């Protein structure tokens, strides 16, 4: 029987700074090694992003 895997990762795109000085938040879905990156239409200031927890430090700031 083949082993199946699934994971979801949230990340920011630092290279795409928006006019409001925030960066877009994206989601990566991986199923059995196949990846798809999706923009979730949210943005966040770079200094409020927590890489280890894959989320924003302040819930009310990100739009």
PDB file of N, CA and C in Angstrom:
ATOM      1  N   UNK A   1       0.833  -1.168   0.000  1.00  0.00           N
ATOM      2  CA  UNK A   1       0.000   0.000   0.000  1.00  0.00           C
ATOM      3  C   UNK A   1       0.889   1.246   0.000  1.00  0.00           C
ATOM      4  N   UNK A   2       0.590   2.190  -0.874  1.00  0.00           N
ATOM      5  CA  UNK A   2       1.400   3.404  -1.001  1.00  0.00           C
ATOM      6  C   UNK A   2       1.098   4.365   0.146  1.00  0.00           C
ATOM      7  N   UNK A   3       2.144   5.023   0.606  1.00  0.00           N
ATOM      8  CA  UNK A   3       1.981   5.995   1.671  1.00  0.00           C
ATOM      9  C   UNK A   3       1.552   7.329   1.076  1.00  0.00           C
ATOM     10  N   UNK A   4       0.580   7.989   1.698  1.00  0.00           N
ATOM     11  CA  UNK A   4       0.062   9.259   1.198  1.00  0.00           C
ATOM     12  C   UNK A   4       0.400  10.362   2.184  1.00  0.00           C
ATOM     13  N   UNK A   5       0.668  11.543   1.648  1.00  0.00           N
ATOM     14  CA  UNK A   5       1.007  12.667   2.524  1.00  0.00           C
ATOM     15  C   UNK A   5       0.220  13.908   2.098  1.00  0.00           C
ATOM     16  N   UNK A   6      -0.019  14.780   3.081  1.00  0.00           N
ATOM     17  CA  UNK A   6      -0.750  16.015   2.855  1.00  0.00           C
ATOM     18  C   UNK A   6      -0.219  17.054   3.835  1.00  0.00           C
ATOM     19  N   UNK A   7       0.060  18.279   3.347  1.00  0.00           N
ATOM     20  CA  UNK A   7       0.489  19.345   4.246  1.00  0.00           C
ATOM     21  C   UNK A   7       0.026  20.698   3.716  1.00  0.00           C
ATOM     22  N   UNK A   8      -0.169  21.630   4.654  1.00  0.00           N
ATOM     23  CA  UNK A   8      -0.562  22.999   4.336  1.00  0.00           C
ATOM     24  C   UNK A   8       0.436  23.924   5.024  1.00  0.00           C
ATOM     25  N   UNK A   9       0.969  24.890   4.271  1.00  0.00           N
ATOM     26  CA  UNK A   9       1.974  25.818   4.785  1.00  0.00           C
ATOM     27  C   UNK A   9       1.571  27.232   4.403  1.00  0.00           C
ATOM     28  N   UNK A  10       1.597  28.149   5.359  1.00  0.00           N
ATOM     29  CA  UNK A  10       1.337  29.560   5.087  1.00  0.00           C
ATOM     30  C   UNK A  10       2.668  30.292   5.088  1.00  0.00           C
ATOM     31  N   UNK A  11       2.867  31.202   4.122  1.00  0.00           N
ATOM     32  CA  UNK A  11       4.114  31.947   4.024  1.00  0.00           C
ATOM     33  C   UNK A  11       3.854  33.306   3.407  1.00  0.00           C
ATOM     34  N   UNK A  12       4.834  34.207   3.534  1.00  0.00           N
ATOM     35  CA  UNK A  12       4.719  35.537   2.931  1.00  0.00           C
ATOM     36  C   UNK A  12       5.697  35.642   1.778  1.00  0.00           C
ATOM     37  N   UNK A  13       5.360  36.471   0.806  1.00  0.00           N
ATOM     38  CA  UNK A  13       6.244  36.721  -0.335  1.00  0.00           C
ATOM     39  C   UNK A  13       6.953  38.048  -0.108  1.00  0.00           C
ATOM     40  N   UNK A  14       8.161  37.992   0.455  1.00  0.00           N
ATOM     41  CA  UNK A  14       8.905  39.204   0.785  1.00  0.00           C
ATOM     42  C   UNK A  14       9.295  39.999  -0.454  1.00  0.00           C
ATOM     43  N   UNK A  15       9.423  39.363  -1.571  1.00  0.00           N
ATOM     44  CA  UNK A  15       9.834  40.039  -2.796  1.00  0.00           C
ATOM     45  C   UNK A  15       8.744  40.905  -3.423  1.00  0.00           C
ATOM     46  N   UNK A  16       7.507  40.744  -2.983  1.00  0.00           N
ATOM     47  CA  UNK A  16       6.387  41.505  -3.558  1.00  0.00           C
ATOM     48  C   UNK A  16       5.828  42.475  -2.523  1.00  0.00           C
ATOM     49  N   UNK A  17       6.525  43.563  -2.279  1.00  0.00           N
ATOM     50  CA  UNK A  17       6.076  44.573  -1.332  1.00  0.00           C
ATOM     51  C   UNK A  17       4.939  45.380  -1.950  1.00  0.00           C
ATOM     52  N   UNK A  18       3.808  45.464  -1.252  1.00  0.00           N
ATOM     53  CA  UNK A  18       2.641  46.189  -1.745  1.00  0.00           C
ATOM     54  C   UNK A  18       2.771  47.678  -1.449  1.00  0.00           C
ATOM     55  N   UNK A  19       1.888  48.488  -2.009  1.00  0.00           N
ATOM     56  CA  UNK A  19       1.927  49.939  -1.813  1.00  0.00           C
ATOM     57  C   UNK A  19       1.717  50.346  -0.361  1.00  0.00           C
ATOM     58  N   UNK A  20       0.983  49.543   0.405  1.00  0.00           N
ATOM     59  CA  UNK A  20       0.743  49.857   1.808  1.00  0.00           C
ATOM     60  C   UNK A  20       1.851  49.319   2.730  1.00  0.00           C
ATOM     61  N   UNK A  21       3.006  48.973   2.145  1.00  0.00           N
ATOM     62  CA  UNK A  21       4.195  48.491   2.870  1.00  0.00           C
ATOM     63  C   UNK A  21       3.965  47.133   3.540  1.00  0.00           C
ATOM     64  N   UNK A  22       3.051  46.343   3.014  1.00  0.00           N
ATOM     65  CA  UNK A  22       2.794  44.998   3.509  1.00  0.00           C
ATOM     66  C   UNK A  22       3.153  43.993   2.422  1.00  0.00           C
ATOM     67  N   UNK A  23       3.221  42.726   2.799  1.00  0.00           N
ATOM     68  CA  UNK A  23       3.533  41.662   1.841  1.00  0.00           C
ATOM     69  C   UNK A  23       2.347  40.691   1.772  1.00  0.00           C
ATOM     70  N   UNK A  24       2.112  40.081   0.607  1.00  0.00           N
ATOM     71  CA  UNK A  24       0.998  39.140   0.480  1.00  0.00           C
ATOM     72  C   UNK A  24       1.263  37.837   1.234  1.00  0.00           C
ATOM     73  N   UNK A  25       0.203  37.269   1.791  1.00  0.00           N
ATOM     74  CA  UNK A  25       0.265  35.977   2.475  1.00  0.00           C
ATOM     75  C   UNK A  25      -0.239  34.924   1.500  1.00  0.00           C
ATOM     76  N   UNK A  26       0.500  33.830   1.378  1.00  0.00           N
ATOM     77  CA  UNK A  26       0.137  32.744   0.459  1.00  0.00           C
ATOM     78  C   UNK A  26       0.044  31.427   1.208  1.00  0.00           C
ATOM     79  N   UNK A  27      -0.562  30.442   0.559  1.00  0.00           N
ATOM     80  CA  UNK A  27      -0.712  29.111   1.129  1.00  0.00           C
ATOM     81  C   UNK A  27      -0.148  28.100   0.139  1.00  0.00           C
ATOM     82  N   UNK A  28       0.596  27.138   0.650  1.00  0.00           N
ATOM     83  CA  UNK A  28       1.136  26.057  -0.184  1.00  0.00           C
ATOM     84  C   UNK A  28       0.509  24.747   0.283  1.00  0.00           C
ATOM     85  N   UNK A  29      -0.141  24.062  -0.641  1.00  0.00           N
ATOM     86  CA  UNK A  29      -0.728  22.752  -0.358  1.00  0.00           C
ATOM     87  C   UNK A  29       0.120  21.701  -1.068  1.00  0.00           C
ATOM     88  N   UNK A  30       0.532  20.688  -0.319  1.00  0.00           N
ATOM     89  CA  UNK A  30       1.336  19.601  -0.879  1.00  0.00           C
ATOM     90  C   UNK A  30       0.609  18.286  -0.650  1.00  0.00           C
ATOM     91  N   UNK A  31       0.372  17.562  -1.732  1.00  0.00           N
ATOM     92  CA  UNK A  31      -0.261  16.245  -1.666  1.00  0.00           C
ATOM     93  C   UNK A  31       0.637  15.273  -2.424  1.00  0.00           C
ATOM     94  N   UNK A  32       1.156  14.288  -1.716  1.00  0.00           N
ATOM     95  CA  UNK A  32       2.034  13.262  -2.299  1.00  0.00           C
ATOM     96  C   UNK A  32       3.180  13.870  -3.103  1.00  0.00           C
ATOM     97  N   UNK A  33       3.764  14.951  -2.618  1.00  0.00           N
ATOM     98  CA  UNK A  33       4.914  15.577  -3.260  1.00  0.00           C
ATOM     99  C   UNK A  33       4.583  16.600  -4.330  1.00  0.00           C
ATOM    100  N   UNK A  34       3.325  16.762  -4.702  1.00  0.00           N
ATOM    101  CA  UNK A  34       2.920  17.761  -5.696  1.00  0.00           C
ATOM    102  C   UNK A  34       2.495  19.037  -4.978  1.00  0.00           C
ATOM    103  N   UNK A  35       3.151  20.171  -5.315  1.00  0.00           N
ATOM    104  CA  UNK A  35       2.899  21.431  -4.636  1.00  0.00           C
ATOM    105  C   UNK A  35       2.067  22.372  -5.496  1.00  0.00           C
ATOM    106  N   UNK A  36       1.230  23.173  -4.802  1.00  0.00           N
ATOM    107  CA  UNK A  36       0.469  24.239  -5.435  1.00  0.00           C
ATOM    108  C   UNK A  36       0.511  25.439  -4.499  1.00  0.00           C
ATOM    109  N   UNK A  37       0.908  26.612  -5.028  1.00  0.00           N
ATOM    110  CA  UNK A  37       0.908  27.853  -4.258  1.00  0.00           C
ATOM    111  C   UNK A  37      -0.337  28.654  -4.614  1.00  0.00           C
ATOM    112  N   UNK A  38      -1.027  29.156  -3.574  1.00  0.00           N
ATOM    113  CA  UNK A  38      -2.278  29.881  -3.763  1.00  0.00           C
ATOM    114  C   UNK A  38      -2.213  31.175  -2.976  1.00  0.00           C
ATOM    115  N   UNK A  39      -2.595  32.282  -3.603  1.00  0.00           N
ATOM    116  CA  UNK A  39      -2.718  33.544  -2.894  1.00  0.00           C
ATOM    117  C   UNK A  39      -4.052  33.529  -2.153  1.00  0.00           C
ATOM    118  N   UNK A  40      -4.030  33.901  -0.874  1.00  0.00           N
ATOM    119  CA  UNK A  40      -5.269  33.887  -0.089  1.00  0.00           C
ATOM    120  C   UNK A  40      -5.859  35.293   0.057  1.00  0.00           C
ATOM    121  N   UNK A  41      -5.354  36.247  -0.739  1.00  0.00           N
ATOM    122  CA  UNK A  41      -5.883  37.621  -0.780  1.00  0.00           C
ATOM    123  C   UNK A  41      -5.798  38.326   0.572  1.00  0.00           C
ATOM    124  N   UNK A  42      -4.734  38.053   1.314  1.00  0.00           N
ATOM    125  CA  UNK A  42      -4.466  38.722   2.589  1.00  0.00           C
ATOM    126  C   UNK A  42      -3.069  39.295   2.543  1.00  0.00           C
ATOM    127  N   UNK A  43      -2.818  40.330   3.357  1.00  0.00           N
ATOM    128  CA  UNK A  43      -1.479  40.907   3.446  1.00  0.00           C
ATOM    129  C   UNK A  43      -1.153  41.188   4.899  1.00  0.00           C
ATOM    130  N   UNK A  44       0.149  41.331   5.184  1.00  0.00           N
ATOM    131  CA  UNK A  44       0.610  41.481   6.555  1.00  0.00           C
ATOM    132  C   UNK A  44       1.927  42.255   6.550  1.00  0.00           C
ATOM    133  N   UNK A  45       2.178  43.101   7.564  1.00  0.00           N
ATOM    134  CA  UNK A  45       3.493  43.734   7.671  1.00  0.00           C
ATOM    135  C   UNK A  45       4.569  42.663   7.916  1.00  0.00           C
ATOM    136  N   UNK A  46       5.722  42.841   7.319  1.00  0.00           N
ATOM    137  CA  UNK A  46       6.798  41.842   7.421  1.00  0.00           C
ATOM    138  C   UNK A  46       7.213  41.617   8.870  1.00  0.00           C
ATOM    139  N   UNK A  47       7.289  42.680   9.652  1.00  0.00           N
ATOM    140  CA  UNK A  47       7.785  42.540  11.023  1.00  0.00           C
ATOM    141  C   UNK A  47       6.787  41.831  11.949  1.00  0.00           C
ATOM    142  N   UNK A  48       5.541  41.627  11.524  1.00  0.00           N
ATOM    143  CA  UNK A  48       4.557  40.933  12.351  1.00  0.00           C
ATOM    144  C   UNK A  48       4.348  39.472  11.949  1.00  0.00           C
ATOM    145  N   UNK A  49       5.136  38.973  11.001  1.00  0.00           N
ATOM    146  CA  UNK A  49       4.978  37.585  10.560  1.00  0.00           C
ATOM    147  C   UNK A  49       5.868  36.677  11.392  1.00  0.00           C
ATOM    148  N   UNK A  50       5.303  35.597  11.916  1.00  0.00           N
ATOM    149  CA  UNK A  50       6.035  34.611  12.700  1.00  0.00           C
ATOM    150  C   UNK A  50       6.284  33.393  11.816  1.00  0.00           C
ATOM    151  N   UNK A  51       7.529  33.221  11.362  1.00  0.00           N
ATOM    152  CA  UNK A  51       7.857  32.113  10.448  1.00  0.00           C
ATOM    153  C   UNK A  51       7.708  30.754  11.108  1.00  0.00           C
ATOM    154  N   UNK A  52       8.083  30.656  12.365  1.00  0.00           N
ATOM    155  CA  UNK A  52       8.047  29.361  13.056  1.00  0.00           C
ATOM    156  C   UNK A  52       6.614  28.833  13.187  1.00  0.00           C
ATOM    157  N   UNK A  53       5.674  29.717  13.478  1.00  0.00           N
ATOM    158  CA  UNK A  53       4.275  29.308  13.651  1.00  0.00           C
ATOM    159  C   UNK A  53       3.437  29.462  12.391  1.00  0.00           C
ATOM    160  N   UNK A  54       4.026  30.037  11.337  1.00  0.00           N
ATOM    161  CA  UNK A  54       3.353  30.250  10.050  1.00  0.00           C
ATOM    162  C   UNK A  54       2.074  31.071  10.201  1.00  0.00           C
ATOM    163  N   UNK A  55       2.141  32.137  11.017  1.00  0.00           N
ATOM    164  CA  UNK A  55       0.991  33.017  11.171  1.00  0.00           C
ATOM    165  C   UNK A  55       1.446  34.410  11.593  1.00  0.00           C
ATOM    166  N   UNK A  56       0.493  35.305  11.721  1.00  0.00           N
ATOM    167  CA  UNK A  56       0.785  36.671  12.123  1.00  0.00           C
ATOM    168  C   UNK A  56       0.825  36.761  13.637  1.00  0.00           C
ATOM    169  N   UNK A  57       1.680  37.633  14.161  1.00  0.00           N
ATOM    170  CA  UNK A  57       1.760  37.850  15.601  1.00  0.00           C
ATOM    171  C   UNK A  57       0.553  38.642  16.095  1.00  0.00           C
ATOM    172  N   UNK A  58       0.008  39.525  15.258  1.00  0.00           N
ATOM    173  CA  UNK A  58      -1.147  40.336  15.615  1.00  0.00           C
ATOM    174  C   UNK A  58      -2.317  39.958  14.709  1.00  0.00           C
ATOM    175  N   UNK A  59      -3.381  39.464  15.263  1.00  0.00           N
ATOM    176  CA  UNK A  59      -4.507  38.976  14.463  1.00  0.00           C
ATOM    177  C   UNK A  59      -5.313  40.090  13.828  1.00  0.00           C
ATOM    178  N   UNK A  60      -5.361  41.269  14.435  1.00  0.00           N
ATOM    179  CA  UNK A  60      -6.209  42.339  13.916  1.00  0.00           C
ATOM    180  C   UNK A  60      -5.540  43.193  12.857  1.00  0.00           C
ATOM    181  N   UNK A  61      -4.220  43.110  12.702  1.00  0.00           N
ATOM    182  CA  UNK A  61      -3.493  43.979  11.772  1.00  0.00           C
ATOM    183  C   UNK A  61      -3.553  43.476  10.346  1.00  0.00           C
ATOM    184  N   UNK A  62      -3.462  42.185  10.143  1.00  0.00           N
ATOM    185  CA  UNK A  62      -3.441  41.630   8.785  1.00  0.00           C
ATOM    186  C   UNK A  62      -4.812  41.738   8.135  1.00  0.00           C
ATOM    187  N   UNK A  63      -4.802  42.112   6.864  1.00  0.00           N
ATOM    188  CA  UNK A  63      -6.059  42.323   6.142  1.00  0.00           C
ATOM    189  C   UNK A  63      -6.194  41.357   5.011  1.00  0.00           C
TER     190      UNK A  63
END
